[in-house]
Amino acid sequence: MSYKVTSIGLKGLEGYRVQVQVQVVEGMESIVVVGLPDASVKESRERVSAALRSLGFSLVDMKVVINLSPAEQKKNGPLFDLAIAIGVLKSGNFLKEEIPV
């Protein structure tokens, strides 16, 4: 199942909309971030998985693919961690409640 969350990226002082699309499927345990992320965004894998583990959610035997769109825009900073965490929880069916838009 795929889940989309809207976030904000920064380019200088200007903000732009970033679509965070998360897909969680059964498979070899891995987290992949695509969509021109820099090193700090790639580190979101560890921050988000550690936070979810501390809350009691296990990603064992799950493959998580995170797509940050628009792909042509460089993404930087930890701005997307919350959107990624929400996407993982909803896509992995850990969170059943509806999130109002």
Protein backbone atom coordinates (compact mmCIF):
# COMPACT_ATOMS: atom_id res chain seq x y z
CA MET A 1 0.00 0.00 0.00
CA SER A 2 1.22 3.48 -0.80
CA TYR A 3 0.54 6.62 1.23
CA LYS A 4 1.23 10.26 0.34
CA VAL A 5 2.04 13.07 2.76
CA THR A 6 2.68 16.69 1.78
CA SER A 7 5.66 18.46 3.31
CA ILE A 8 7.64 21.64 2.72
CA GLY A 9 11.20 21.94 1.43
CA LEU A 10 13.39 25.03 1.56
CA LYS A 11 15.50 26.55 -1.20
CA GLY A 12 17.17 29.51 0.44
CA LEU A 13 14.36 31.46 2.06
CA GLU A 14 11.70 30.15 -0.31
CA GLY A 15 9.53 27.17 0.51
CA TYR A 16 8.22 24.66 -1.99
CA ARG A 17 5.80 21.76 -1.71
CA VAL A 18 7.25 18.25 -1.49
CA GLN A 19 5.16 15.14 -1.93
CA VAL A 20 6.44 12.32 0.31
CA GLN A 21 5.18 9.02 -1.06
CA VAL A 22 5.86 5.97 1.11
CA GLN A 23 5.34 2.35 0.15
CA VAL A 24 5.80 -0.49 2.65
CA VAL A 25 5.87 -4.06 1.33
CA GLU A 26 6.97 -7.41 2.70
CA GLY A 27 10.53 -8.29 1.81
CA MET A 28 14.12 -7.98 2.89
CA GLU A 29 14.41 -5.34 5.58
CA SER A 30 15.53 -2.08 3.94
CA ILE A 31 14.67 1.58 3.66
CA VAL A 32 15.36 3.39 0.38
CA VAL A 33 15.01 7.15 -0.18
CA VAL A 34 14.77 8.39 -3.79
CA GLY A 35 14.12 11.80 -5.32
CA LEU A 36 17.47 13.70 -5.11
CA PRO A 37 17.99 13.59 -1.33
CA ASP A 38 21.22 14.91 0.21
CA ALA A 39 23.10 13.14 3.02
CA SER A 40 20.95 14.63 5.80
CA VAL A 41 17.76 13.40 4.12
CA LYS A 42 19.26 9.94 3.60
CA GLU A 43 19.99 9.88 7.34
CA SER A 44 16.23 10.13 7.88
CA ARG A 45 16.17 6.35 7.45
CA GLU A 46 17.99 5.86 10.74
CA ARG A 47 16.19 8.66 12.61
CA VAL A 48 12.71 7.51 11.59
CA SER A 49 13.34 3.79 12.13
CA ALA A 50 14.86 4.48 15.58
CA ALA A 51 11.89 6.66 16.55
CA LEU A 52 9.38 4.05 15.37
CA ARG A 53 11.26 1.28 17.19
CA SER A 54 11.21 3.29 20.41
CA LEU A 55 7.42 3.61 20.03
CA GLY A 56 7.05 -0.16 19.62
CA PHE A 57 6.61 -0.39 15.83
CA SER A 58 8.81 -2.99 14.12
CA LEU A 59 9.94 -2.77 10.50
CA VAL A 60 11.40 -6.29 10.51
CA ASP A 61 10.89 -8.09 7.16
CA MET A 62 9.55 -4.93 5.54
CA LYS A 63 10.92 -3.00 2.59
CA VAL A 64 10.21 0.73 2.74
CA VAL A 65 10.54 2.88 -0.38
CA ILE A 66 10.30 6.67 0.09
CA ASN A 67 9.90 8.88 -2.96
CA LEU A 68 10.36 12.63 -2.60
CA SER A 69 8.76 14.61 -5.40
CA PRO A 70 9.52 16.83 -7.36
CA ALA A 71 12.53 14.72 -8.31
CA GLU A 72 14.43 17.57 -10.00
CA GLN A 73 14.60 19.66 -6.79
CA LYS A 74 17.46 18.88 -4.34
CA LYS A 75 16.09 18.06 -0.87
CA ASN A 76 18.12 18.88 2.25
CA GLY A 77 17.74 18.90 6.01
CA PRO A 78 15.62 16.89 8.44
CA LEU A 79 12.40 18.63 7.36
CA PHE A 80 10.86 15.45 5.97
CA ASP A 81 11.28 13.15 9.01
CA LEU A 82 7.75 13.65 10.36
CA ALA A 83 6.16 13.20 6.92
CA ILE A 84 8.20 10.03 6.37
CA ALA A 85 7.24 8.64 9.79
CA ILE A 86 3.53 9.32 9.19
CA GLY A 87 3.79 7.75 5.73
CA VAL A 88 5.46 4.62 7.12
CA LEU A 89 2.86 4.28 9.88
CA LYS A 90 -0.08 4.67 7.47
CA SER A 91 1.39 2.62 4.62
CA GLY A 92 2.44 -0.19 6.96
CA ASN A 93 -1.05 -0.27 8.54
CA PHE A 94 0.36 0.56 11.97
CA LEU A 95 -1.91 3.60 12.24
CA LYS A 96 -5.60 3.00 11.47
CA GLU A 97 -6.95 6.44 12.33
CA GLU A 98 -7.76 8.91 9.58
CA ILE A 99 -5.54 11.96 9.37
CA PRO A 100 -7.55 15.08 8.45
CA VAL A 101 -6.18 17.11 5.57
